[in-house]
């Protein structure tokens, strides 16, 4: 029964943070949505921050699962990098909590929302960096700085998935893959 209540609280809090954002979510709201007394929430979580951290960790774990599922041992390096980046960013773009946190950061600059999105980005970068390190060890790619390379890859994908469509028609997954391959793997030089 205890685990059911905790699960109910986490689901209610996830809904509240996703609908109202970090700043506007209160423990009173969560208790009403979960249909439990406010004191029950404090049985499991010390405060709103701890509850939010639990939800954020679940989101990060979910993102890692999306990335893991994108890796195909029979696919090429490029195909796997593209699948991981595209999959994780599509997940981030469609997940209600990350959408609401992004809005809150733009509109209010709430510290906790900023930090949460920073953790999301750090998790993605860490995953990509680790993948690049493995490829380096196996001699599958040229010598490079894995951290910087992961950063450039992620920022290019963010630009293609999110930024481009602010003023243009959204790019297809195939077009994004084509651009990624051109800019990062082949280069623009003719020689």
N, C-alpha and C. Protein backbone atom coordinates (compact mmCIF):
# COMPACT_ATOMS: atom_id res chain seq x y z
N UNK A 1 0.83 -1.20 0.00
CA UNK A 1 0.00 0.00 0.00
C UNK A 1 0.87 1.25 0.00
N UNK A 2 1.95 1.20 0.77
CA UNK A 2 2.86 2.34 0.89
C UNK A 2 3.48 2.72 -0.46
N UNK A 3 3.87 1.69 -1.24
CA UNK A 3 4.45 1.96 -2.55
C UNK A 3 3.42 2.54 -3.51
N UNK A 4 2.17 2.10 -3.37
CA UNK A 4 1.10 2.65 -4.21
C UNK A 4 0.90 4.13 -3.93
N UNK A 5 0.94 4.51 -2.66
CA UNK A 5 0.78 5.93 -2.32
C UNK A 5 1.93 6.76 -2.86
N UNK A 6 3.13 6.25 -2.70
CA UNK A 6 4.30 6.98 -3.21
C UNK A 6 4.19 7.14 -4.73
N UNK A 7 3.80 6.07 -5.40
CA UNK A 7 3.64 6.11 -6.86
C UNK A 7 2.56 7.14 -7.24
N UNK A 8 1.48 7.15 -6.51
CA UNK A 8 0.39 8.09 -6.75
C UNK A 8 0.87 9.54 -6.57
N UNK A 9 1.66 9.77 -5.55
CA UNK A 9 2.21 11.10 -5.28
C UNK A 9 3.15 11.52 -6.41
N UNK A 10 4.01 10.62 -6.84
CA UNK A 10 4.96 10.93 -7.92
C UNK A 10 4.21 11.23 -9.22
N UNK A 11 3.20 10.44 -9.52
CA UNK A 11 2.40 10.69 -10.73
C UNK A 11 1.68 12.04 -10.65
N UNK A 12 1.12 12.33 -9.49
CA UNK A 12 0.42 13.61 -9.31
C UNK A 12 1.39 14.78 -9.43
N UNK A 13 2.55 14.65 -8.82
CA UNK A 13 3.55 15.72 -8.88
C UNK A 13 4.06 15.89 -10.30
N UNK A 14 4.28 14.79 -11.00
CA UNK A 14 4.72 14.87 -12.39
C UNK A 14 3.70 15.62 -13.22
N UNK A 15 2.43 15.31 -13.02
CA UNK A 15 1.36 16.03 -13.74
C UNK A 15 1.36 17.51 -13.39
N UNK A 16 1.51 17.82 -12.11
CA UNK A 16 1.49 19.21 -11.68
C UNK A 16 2.68 19.99 -12.24
N UNK A 17 3.89 19.43 -12.12
CA UNK A 17 5.08 20.10 -12.66
C UNK A 17 4.96 20.26 -14.18
N UNK A 18 4.39 19.27 -14.85
CA UNK A 18 4.24 19.31 -16.31
C UNK A 18 3.20 20.34 -16.75
N UNK A 19 2.16 20.53 -15.94
CA UNK A 19 1.11 21.50 -16.30
C UNK A 19 1.44 22.92 -15.86
N UNK A 20 1.98 23.06 -14.65
CA UNK A 20 2.15 24.39 -14.05
C UNK A 20 3.60 24.85 -13.94
N UNK A 21 4.55 23.94 -14.11
CA UNK A 21 5.95 24.28 -13.95
C UNK A 21 6.40 24.11 -12.52
N UNK A 22 7.68 24.34 -12.31
CA UNK A 22 8.24 24.16 -10.97
C UNK A 22 7.70 25.20 -10.00
N UNK A 23 7.81 26.45 -10.39
CA UNK A 23 7.48 27.55 -9.48
C UNK A 23 6.02 27.51 -9.03
N UNK A 24 5.11 27.22 -9.94
CA UNK A 24 3.68 27.28 -9.62
C UNK A 24 3.16 26.00 -8.96
N UNK A 25 3.95 24.95 -8.93
CA UNK A 25 3.51 23.72 -8.28
C UNK A 25 3.69 23.84 -6.78
N UNK A 26 2.65 23.49 -6.05
CA UNK A 26 2.72 23.50 -4.58
C UNK A 26 2.43 22.10 -4.06
N UNK A 27 2.83 21.87 -2.83
CA UNK A 27 2.55 20.58 -2.20
C UNK A 27 1.04 20.42 -2.00
N UNK A 28 0.33 21.53 -1.80
CA UNK A 28 -1.14 21.45 -1.68
C UNK A 28 -1.75 20.92 -2.98
N UNK A 29 -1.27 21.44 -4.13
CA UNK A 29 -1.76 20.97 -5.42
C UNK A 29 -1.50 19.48 -5.59
N UNK A 30 -0.28 19.09 -5.27
CA UNK A 30 0.10 17.68 -5.43
C UNK A 30 -0.79 16.80 -4.56
N UNK A 31 -1.04 17.23 -3.32
CA UNK A 31 -1.87 16.41 -2.42
C UNK A 31 -3.30 16.30 -2.96
N UNK A 32 -3.82 17.38 -3.53
CA UNK A 32 -5.17 17.34 -4.10
C UNK A 32 -5.23 16.43 -5.32
N UNK A 33 -4.26 16.55 -6.21
CA UNK A 33 -4.23 15.72 -7.41
C UNK A 33 -4.07 14.24 -7.04
N UNK A 34 -3.22 13.97 -6.04
CA UNK A 34 -2.96 12.59 -5.62
C UNK A 34 -4.07 12.05 -4.73
N UNK A 35 -4.90 12.97 -4.23
CA UNK A 35 -5.98 12.60 -3.31
C UNK A 35 -5.42 11.97 -2.03
N UNK A 36 -4.36 12.60 -1.51
CA UNK A 36 -3.77 12.19 -0.24
C UNK A 36 -3.57 13.45 0.60
N UNK A 37 -3.44 13.25 1.90
CA UNK A 37 -3.15 14.38 2.76
C UNK A 37 -1.75 14.91 2.52
N UNK A 38 -1.56 16.20 2.73
CA UNK A 38 -0.25 16.82 2.52
C UNK A 38 0.82 16.14 3.38
N UNK A 39 0.43 15.74 4.59
CA UNK A 39 1.36 15.06 5.49
C UNK A 39 1.87 13.75 4.92
N UNK A 40 1.02 13.10 4.13
CA UNK A 40 1.43 11.84 3.49
C UNK A 40 2.59 12.07 2.54
N UNK A 41 2.56 13.19 1.83
CA UNK A 41 3.65 13.51 0.91
C UNK A 41 4.96 13.63 1.68
N UNK A 42 4.89 14.30 2.84
CA UNK A 42 6.09 14.52 3.64
C UNK A 42 6.61 13.23 4.28
N UNK A 43 5.81 12.18 4.26
CA UNK A 43 6.27 10.87 4.73
C UNK A 43 7.34 10.34 3.77
N UNK A 44 7.20 10.68 2.50
CA UNK A 44 8.11 10.17 1.47
C UNK A 44 9.14 11.19 1.00
N UNK A 45 8.78 12.46 1.07
CA UNK A 45 9.65 13.52 0.54
C UNK A 45 9.74 14.65 1.55
N UNK A 46 10.95 15.11 1.80
CA UNK A 46 11.20 16.18 2.77
C UNK A 46 10.58 17.50 2.34
N UNK A 47 10.66 17.76 1.03
CA UNK A 47 10.16 19.04 0.52
C UNK A 47 9.90 18.93 -0.99
N UNK A 48 9.46 20.02 -1.56
CA UNK A 48 9.15 20.08 -3.00
C UNK A 48 10.39 19.78 -3.83
N UNK A 49 11.54 20.28 -3.41
CA UNK A 49 12.79 20.08 -4.15
C UNK A 49 13.13 18.59 -4.26
N UNK A 50 12.98 17.88 -3.15
CA UNK A 50 13.29 16.45 -3.15
C UNK A 50 12.31 15.68 -4.05
N UNK A 51 11.06 16.05 -4.01
CA UNK A 51 10.05 15.44 -4.87
C UNK A 51 10.37 15.71 -6.34
N UNK A 52 10.73 16.94 -6.65
CA UNK A 52 11.08 17.32 -8.01
C UNK A 52 12.32 16.55 -8.47
N UNK A 53 13.32 16.42 -7.60
CA UNK A 53 14.54 15.68 -7.94
C UNK A 53 14.22 14.23 -8.29
N UNK A 54 13.31 13.63 -7.54
CA UNK A 54 12.89 12.25 -7.83
C UNK A 54 12.27 12.15 -9.23
N UNK A 55 11.42 13.09 -9.55
CA UNK A 55 10.77 13.10 -10.86
C UNK A 55 11.78 13.36 -11.96
N UNK A 56 12.68 14.29 -11.73
CA UNK A 56 13.72 14.58 -12.73
C UNK A 56 14.61 13.37 -12.96
N UNK A 57 14.97 12.67 -11.89
CA UNK A 57 15.81 11.47 -12.04
C UNK A 57 15.09 10.41 -12.88
N UNK A 58 13.81 10.27 -12.68
CA UNK A 58 13.03 9.32 -13.48
C UNK A 58 13.03 9.73 -14.96
N UNK A 59 12.92 11.03 -15.21
CA UNK A 59 12.97 11.55 -16.57
C UNK A 59 14.32 11.23 -17.20
N UNK A 60 15.40 11.46 -16.46
CA UNK A 60 16.75 11.20 -16.97
C UNK A 60 16.95 9.70 -17.24
N UNK A 61 16.43 8.87 -16.37
CA UNK A 61 16.53 7.43 -16.58
C UNK A 61 15.77 7.01 -17.84
N UNK A 62 14.62 7.62 -18.05
CA UNK A 62 13.82 7.35 -19.24
C UNK A 62 14.59 7.76 -20.51
N UNK A 63 15.25 8.91 -20.43
CA UNK A 63 16.05 9.38 -21.58
C UNK A 63 17.18 8.40 -21.88
N UNK A 64 17.83 7.90 -20.84
CA UNK A 64 18.92 6.94 -21.04
C UNK A 64 18.39 5.67 -21.70
N UNK A 65 17.19 5.26 -21.32
CA UNK A 65 16.59 4.08 -21.95
C UNK A 65 16.32 4.33 -23.43
N UNK A 66 15.86 5.53 -23.75
CA UNK A 66 15.64 5.90 -25.16
C UNK A 66 16.96 5.82 -25.92
N UNK A 67 18.02 6.34 -25.32
CA UNK A 67 19.34 6.31 -25.97
C UNK A 67 19.84 4.88 -26.13
N UNK A 68 19.69 4.07 -25.08
CA UNK A 68 20.14 2.67 -25.16
C UNK A 68 19.40 1.91 -26.26
N UNK A 69 18.10 2.15 -26.38
CA UNK A 69 17.31 1.46 -27.39
C UNK A 69 17.70 1.90 -28.80
N UNK A 70 18.26 3.09 -28.93
CA UNK A 70 18.63 3.62 -30.25
C UNK A 70 19.89 2.96 -30.80
N UNK A 71 20.70 2.37 -29.92
CA UNK A 71 21.95 1.75 -30.36
C UNK A 71 21.65 0.38 -30.98
N UNK A 72 22.16 0.21 -32.19
CA UNK A 72 22.02 -1.06 -32.90
C UNK A 72 23.42 -1.58 -33.21
N UNK A 73 23.78 -2.72 -32.65
CA UNK A 73 25.14 -3.23 -32.82
C UNK A 73 25.49 -3.51 -34.28
N UNK A 74 24.50 -3.65 -35.12
CA UNK A 74 24.74 -3.90 -36.55
C UNK A 74 24.80 -2.62 -37.38
N UNK A 75 24.48 -1.50 -36.76
CA UNK A 75 24.44 -0.23 -37.49
C UNK A 75 25.82 0.44 -37.47
N UNK A 76 25.98 1.37 -38.37
CA UNK A 76 27.24 2.12 -38.45
C UNK A 76 27.34 3.12 -37.31
N UNK A 77 28.55 3.61 -37.11
CA UNK A 77 28.80 4.66 -36.11
C UNK A 77 27.86 5.83 -36.34
N UNK A 78 27.79 6.28 -37.57
CA UNK A 78 26.95 7.42 -37.91
C UNK A 78 25.49 7.14 -37.59
N UNK A 79 25.02 5.99 -38.01
CA UNK A 79 23.61 5.64 -37.78
C UNK A 79 23.28 5.62 -36.29
N UNK A 80 24.18 5.07 -35.49
CA UNK A 80 23.94 5.03 -34.05
C UNK A 80 23.98 6.41 -33.40
N UNK A 81 24.95 7.21 -33.78
CA UNK A 81 25.02 8.57 -33.23
C UNK A 81 23.76 9.36 -33.60
N UNK A 82 23.37 9.24 -34.85
CA UNK A 82 22.16 9.93 -35.30
C UNK A 82 20.94 9.43 -34.52
N UNK A 83 20.81 8.13 -34.40
CA UNK A 83 19.65 7.56 -33.70
C UNK A 83 19.59 7.99 -32.24
N UNK A 84 20.73 7.99 -31.58
CA UNK A 84 20.76 8.40 -30.17
C UNK A 84 20.38 9.88 -30.04
N UNK A 85 21.04 10.73 -30.81
CA UNK A 85 20.77 12.16 -30.71
C UNK A 85 19.34 12.50 -31.11
N UNK A 86 18.90 11.97 -32.22
CA UNK A 86 17.56 12.27 -32.68
C UNK A 86 16.51 11.75 -31.69
N UNK A 87 16.71 10.53 -31.22
CA UNK A 87 15.76 9.93 -30.29
C UNK A 87 15.66 10.68 -28.98
N UNK A 88 16.80 11.05 -28.42
CA UNK A 88 16.80 11.75 -27.14
C UNK A 88 16.22 13.16 -27.29
N UNK A 89 16.57 13.84 -28.36
CA UNK A 89 16.03 15.19 -28.55
C UNK A 89 14.55 15.17 -28.90
N UNK A 90 14.11 14.17 -29.63
CA UNK A 90 12.68 14.04 -29.92
C UNK A 90 11.93 13.77 -28.62
N UNK A 91 12.50 12.93 -27.77
CA UNK A 91 11.90 12.64 -26.47
C UNK A 91 11.79 13.93 -25.66
N UNK A 92 12.88 14.68 -25.62
CA UNK A 92 12.91 15.95 -24.86
C UNK A 92 11.90 16.95 -25.42
N UNK A 93 11.81 16.99 -26.74
CA UNK A 93 10.91 17.93 -27.40
C UNK A 93 9.44 17.61 -27.15
N UNK A 94 9.13 16.33 -26.97
CA UNK A 94 7.74 15.91 -26.82
C UNK A 94 7.32 15.66 -25.38
N UNK A 95 8.26 15.56 -24.47
CA UNK A 95 7.94 15.25 -23.08
C UNK A 95 7.38 16.51 -22.41
N UNK A 96 6.20 16.40 -21.84
CA UNK A 96 5.51 17.56 -21.27
C UNK A 96 6.33 18.28 -20.20
N UNK A 97 7.04 17.54 -19.37
CA UNK A 97 7.81 18.18 -18.30
C UNK A 97 8.93 19.05 -18.86
N UNK A 98 9.66 18.54 -19.84
CA UNK A 98 10.75 19.35 -20.40
C UNK A 98 10.21 20.54 -21.18
N UNK A 99 9.05 20.36 -21.80
CA UNK A 99 8.42 21.49 -22.51
C UNK A 99 8.07 22.59 -21.51
N UNK A 100 7.42 22.21 -20.41
CA UNK A 100 7.01 23.20 -19.41
C UNK A 100 8.22 23.85 -18.75
N UNK A 101 9.25 23.07 -18.45
CA UNK A 101 10.46 23.64 -17.84
C UNK A 101 11.13 24.62 -18.80
N UNK A 102 11.15 24.30 -20.09
CA UNK A 102 11.73 25.21 -21.08
C UNK A 102 10.96 26.52 -21.12
N UNK A 103 9.63 26.43 -21.08
CA UNK A 103 8.81 27.64 -21.06
C UNK A 103 9.09 28.46 -19.80
N UNK A 104 9.19 27.77 -18.68
CA UNK A 104 9.43 28.46 -17.41
C UNK A 104 10.79 29.16 -17.42
N UNK A 105 11.78 28.52 -17.99
CA UNK A 105 13.11 29.13 -18.07
C UNK A 105 13.04 30.40 -18.92
N UNK A 106 12.36 30.32 -20.07
CA UNK A 106 12.26 31.48 -20.95
C UNK A 106 11.45 32.62 -20.33
N UNK A 107 10.34 32.26 -19.68
CA UNK A 107 9.44 33.29 -19.15
C UNK A 107 9.86 33.83 -17.78
N UNK A 108 10.34 32.94 -16.91
CA UNK A 108 10.61 33.35 -15.53
C UNK A 108 12.06 33.19 -15.10
N UNK A 109 12.77 32.32 -15.79
CA UNK A 109 14.16 32.07 -15.41
C UNK A 109 14.30 31.40 -14.05
N UNK A 110 13.30 30.63 -13.65
CA UNK A 110 13.32 29.95 -12.35
C UNK A 110 14.58 29.11 -12.22
N UNK A 111 15.31 29.33 -11.14
CA UNK A 111 16.60 28.66 -10.91
C UNK A 111 16.47 27.13 -11.01
N UNK A 112 15.47 26.56 -10.36
CA UNK A 112 15.30 25.11 -10.34
C UNK A 112 15.01 24.57 -11.74
N UNK A 113 14.25 25.30 -12.53
CA UNK A 113 13.97 24.88 -13.90
C UNK A 113 15.25 24.95 -14.75
N UNK A 114 16.02 26.01 -14.56
CA UNK A 114 17.30 26.15 -15.26
C UNK A 114 18.21 24.98 -14.92
N UNK A 115 18.31 24.67 -13.63
CA UNK A 115 19.18 23.58 -13.18
C UNK A 115 18.69 22.23 -13.70
N UNK A 116 17.38 22.04 -13.76
CA UNK A 116 16.83 20.78 -14.26
C UNK A 116 17.19 20.59 -15.74
N UNK A 117 17.02 21.63 -16.53
CA UNK A 117 17.36 21.52 -17.95
C UNK A 117 18.86 21.34 -18.15
N UNK A 118 19.63 21.93 -17.26
CA UNK A 118 21.09 21.74 -17.31
C UNK A 118 21.43 20.27 -17.05
N UNK A 119 20.75 19.65 -16.09
CA UNK A 119 20.97 18.21 -15.82
C UNK A 119 20.57 17.36 -17.02
N UNK A 120 19.49 17.73 -17.68
CA UNK A 120 19.07 17.00 -18.87
C UNK A 120 20.17 17.07 -19.92
N UNK A 121 20.68 18.27 -20.17
CA UNK A 121 21.74 18.42 -21.18
C UNK A 121 23.01 17.69 -20.76
N UNK A 122 23.38 17.77 -19.49
CA UNK A 122 24.58 17.08 -19.01
C UNK A 122 24.45 15.57 -19.16
N UNK A 123 23.26 15.05 -18.95
CA UNK A 123 23.02 13.61 -19.11
C UNK A 123 23.20 13.20 -20.57
N UNK A 124 22.66 13.99 -21.47
CA UNK A 124 22.80 13.70 -22.90
C UNK A 124 24.28 13.77 -23.29
N UNK A 125 24.96 14.83 -22.87
CA UNK A 125 26.38 15.00 -23.21
C UNK A 125 27.22 13.85 -22.66
N UNK A 126 26.94 13.45 -21.45
CA UNK A 126 27.68 12.35 -20.83
C UNK A 126 27.51 11.06 -21.62
N UNK A 127 26.29 10.80 -22.05
CA UNK A 127 26.01 9.59 -22.83
C UNK A 127 26.78 9.62 -24.15
N UNK A 128 26.71 10.74 -24.84
CA UNK A 128 27.39 10.86 -26.14
C UNK A 128 28.91 10.78 -25.95
N UNK A 129 29.42 11.49 -24.93
CA UNK A 129 30.86 11.48 -24.66
C UNK A 129 31.34 10.05 -24.41
N UNK A 130 30.60 9.30 -23.62
CA UNK A 130 30.98 7.91 -23.34
C UNK A 130 31.00 7.08 -24.63
N UNK A 131 30.01 7.27 -25.47
CA UNK A 131 29.94 6.55 -26.74
C UNK A 131 31.16 6.90 -27.61
N UNK A 132 31.51 8.17 -27.65
CA UNK A 132 32.68 8.61 -28.43
C UNK A 132 33.96 8.00 -27.86
N UNK A 133 34.08 7.95 -26.54
CA UNK A 133 35.26 7.35 -25.89
C UNK A 133 35.41 5.88 -26.26
N UNK A 134 34.30 5.16 -26.30
CA UNK A 134 34.33 3.75 -26.68
C UNK A 134 34.80 3.62 -28.13
N UNK A 135 34.27 4.48 -29.01
CA UNK A 135 34.67 4.45 -30.41
C UNK A 135 36.16 4.78 -30.58
N UNK A 136 36.66 5.71 -29.78
CA UNK A 136 38.09 6.04 -29.82
C UNK A 136 38.93 4.84 -29.39
N UNK A 137 38.53 4.19 -28.32
CA UNK A 137 39.27 3.02 -27.83
C UNK A 137 39.30 1.90 -28.85
N UNK A 138 38.23 1.76 -29.61
CA UNK A 138 38.15 0.71 -30.62
C UNK A 138 38.81 1.13 -31.93
N UNK A 139 39.29 2.38 -32.01
CA UNK A 139 39.93 2.87 -33.21
C UNK A 139 38.96 3.10 -34.36
N UNK A 140 37.71 3.38 -34.04
CA UNK A 140 36.67 3.56 -35.06
C UNK A 140 36.56 5.00 -35.56
N UNK A 141 37.10 5.95 -34.80
CA UNK A 141 37.06 7.36 -35.22
C UNK A 141 38.42 8.00 -34.99
N UNK A 142 38.62 9.15 -35.64
CA UNK A 142 39.86 9.90 -35.49
C UNK A 142 40.01 10.39 -34.05
N UNK A 143 41.23 10.64 -33.66
CA UNK A 143 41.51 11.18 -32.32
C UNK A 143 40.81 12.53 -32.18
N UNK A 144 40.11 12.71 -31.08
CA UNK A 144 39.39 13.96 -30.83
C UNK A 144 39.16 14.11 -29.32
N UNK A 145 38.73 15.26 -28.93
CA UNK A 145 38.36 15.51 -27.54
C UNK A 145 36.91 15.05 -27.39
N UNK A 146 36.64 13.96 -26.67
CA UNK A 146 35.28 13.42 -26.57
C UNK A 146 34.27 14.41 -25.99
N UNK A 147 34.69 15.20 -25.02
CA UNK A 147 33.76 16.15 -24.40
C UNK A 147 33.37 17.25 -25.38
N UNK A 148 34.36 17.81 -26.05
CA UNK A 148 34.10 18.87 -27.03
C UNK A 148 33.31 18.33 -28.22
N UNK A 149 33.65 17.15 -28.68
CA UNK A 149 32.96 16.54 -29.81
C UNK A 149 31.49 16.27 -29.46
N UNK A 150 31.26 15.76 -28.27
CA UNK A 150 29.88 15.52 -27.82
C UNK A 150 29.10 16.83 -27.78
N UNK A 151 29.73 17.89 -27.29
CA UNK A 151 29.09 19.20 -27.21
C UNK A 151 28.71 19.71 -28.60
N UNK A 152 29.65 19.62 -29.55
CA UNK A 152 29.40 20.10 -30.91
C UNK A 152 28.27 19.29 -31.55
N UNK A 153 28.31 17.98 -31.38
CA UNK A 153 27.26 17.13 -31.95
C UNK A 153 25.89 17.49 -31.39
N UNK A 154 25.83 17.64 -30.08
CA UNK A 154 24.54 17.95 -29.45
C UNK A 154 24.03 19.32 -29.91
N UNK A 155 24.91 20.32 -29.93
CA UNK A 155 24.48 21.66 -30.32
C UNK A 155 24.04 21.70 -31.78
N UNK A 156 24.71 20.95 -32.64
CA UNK A 156 24.29 20.89 -34.04
C UNK A 156 22.90 20.27 -34.12
N UNK A 157 22.68 19.19 -33.40
CA UNK A 157 21.37 18.56 -33.41
C UNK A 157 20.29 19.47 -32.85
N UNK A 158 20.60 20.15 -31.76
CA UNK A 158 19.63 21.09 -31.18
C UNK A 158 19.27 22.16 -32.21
N UNK A 159 20.29 22.66 -32.90
CA UNK A 159 20.05 23.68 -33.93
C UNK A 159 19.16 23.14 -35.04
N UNK A 160 19.39 21.90 -35.45
CA UNK A 160 18.62 21.33 -36.55
C UNK A 160 17.21 20.90 -36.12
N UNK A 161 17.08 20.41 -34.88
CA UNK A 161 15.78 19.91 -34.42
C UNK A 161 14.90 21.03 -33.88
N UNK A 162 15.46 21.93 -33.08
CA UNK A 162 14.66 22.95 -32.41
C UNK A 162 14.75 24.33 -33.07
N UNK A 163 15.97 24.81 -33.22
CA UNK A 163 16.17 26.20 -33.63
C UNK A 163 15.73 26.48 -35.07
N UNK A 164 16.05 25.58 -35.97
CA UNK A 164 15.72 25.78 -37.38
C UNK A 164 14.23 26.02 -37.57
N UNK A 165 13.42 25.22 -36.88
CA UNK A 165 11.98 25.29 -37.15
C UNK A 165 11.30 26.51 -36.53
N UNK A 166 12.02 27.33 -35.81
CA UNK A 166 11.42 28.58 -35.33
C UNK A 166 11.05 29.50 -36.48
N UNK A 167 11.86 29.48 -37.54
CA UNK A 167 11.60 30.36 -38.69
C UNK A 167 11.47 29.62 -40.01
N UNK A 168 11.54 28.29 -39.97
CA UNK A 168 11.48 27.49 -41.19
C UNK A 168 10.61 26.26 -40.95
N UNK A 169 10.30 25.59 -42.02
CA UNK A 169 9.58 24.33 -41.91
C UNK A 169 10.50 23.31 -41.23
N UNK A 170 9.92 22.50 -40.34
CA UNK A 170 10.71 21.50 -39.62
C UNK A 170 11.39 20.55 -40.60
N UNK A 171 12.61 20.15 -40.26
CA UNK A 171 13.36 19.22 -41.09
C UNK A 171 12.94 17.79 -40.77
N UNK A 172 12.95 16.95 -41.78
CA UNK A 172 12.64 15.54 -41.56
C UNK A 172 13.84 14.88 -40.86
N UNK A 173 13.59 13.73 -40.28
CA UNK A 173 14.69 12.99 -39.64
C UNK A 173 15.77 12.67 -40.66
N UNK A 174 15.38 12.35 -41.89
CA UNK A 174 16.34 12.04 -42.95
C UNK A 174 17.20 13.25 -43.31
N UNK A 175 16.57 14.42 -43.38
CA UNK A 175 17.31 15.64 -43.71
C UNK A 175 18.29 15.99 -42.58
N UNK A 176 17.86 15.81 -41.35
CA UNK A 176 18.75 16.06 -40.21
C UNK A 176 19.95 15.11 -40.27
N UNK A 177 19.70 13.84 -40.58
CA UNK A 177 20.78 12.87 -40.69
C UNK A 177 21.75 13.27 -41.81
N UNK A 178 21.19 13.74 -42.92
CA UNK A 178 22.01 14.17 -44.06
C UNK A 178 22.90 15.36 -43.66
N UNK A 179 22.33 16.34 -42.99
CA UNK A 179 23.09 17.52 -42.57
C UNK A 179 24.17 17.14 -41.54
N UNK A 180 23.82 16.27 -40.60
CA UNK A 180 24.77 15.81 -39.58
C UNK A 180 25.96 15.14 -40.26
N UNK A 181 25.67 14.28 -41.21
CA UNK A 181 26.73 13.56 -41.93
C UNK A 181 27.60 14.54 -42.72
N UNK A 182 26.98 15.49 -43.39
CA UNK A 182 27.72 16.47 -44.19
C UNK A 182 28.64 17.31 -43.32
N UNK A 183 28.10 17.89 -42.25
CA UNK A 183 28.87 18.84 -41.45
C UNK A 183 29.88 18.18 -40.53
N UNK A 184 29.54 17.02 -40.00
CA UNK A 184 30.45 16.41 -39.02
C UNK A 184 31.31 15.28 -39.56
N UNK A 185 30.83 14.55 -40.53
CA UNK A 185 31.59 13.41 -40.99
C UNK A 185 32.33 13.66 -42.29
N UNK A 186 31.69 14.34 -43.22
CA UNK A 186 32.32 14.56 -44.52
C UNK A 186 32.99 15.93 -44.61
N UNK A 187 32.35 16.95 -44.08
CA UNK A 187 32.87 18.30 -44.20
C UNK A 187 32.43 18.94 -45.51
N UNK A 188 32.64 20.22 -45.61
CA UNK A 188 32.20 20.96 -46.78
C UNK A 188 33.28 21.12 -47.86
N UNK A 189 34.53 20.92 -47.47
CA UNK A 189 35.63 21.14 -48.41
C UNK A 189 35.57 20.15 -49.57
N UNK A 190 35.91 20.64 -50.77
CA UNK A 190 35.90 19.79 -51.95
C UNK A 190 37.19 19.00 -52.12
N UNK A 191 38.27 19.42 -51.48
CA UNK A 191 39.55 18.73 -51.69
C UNK A 191 39.71 17.48 -50.90
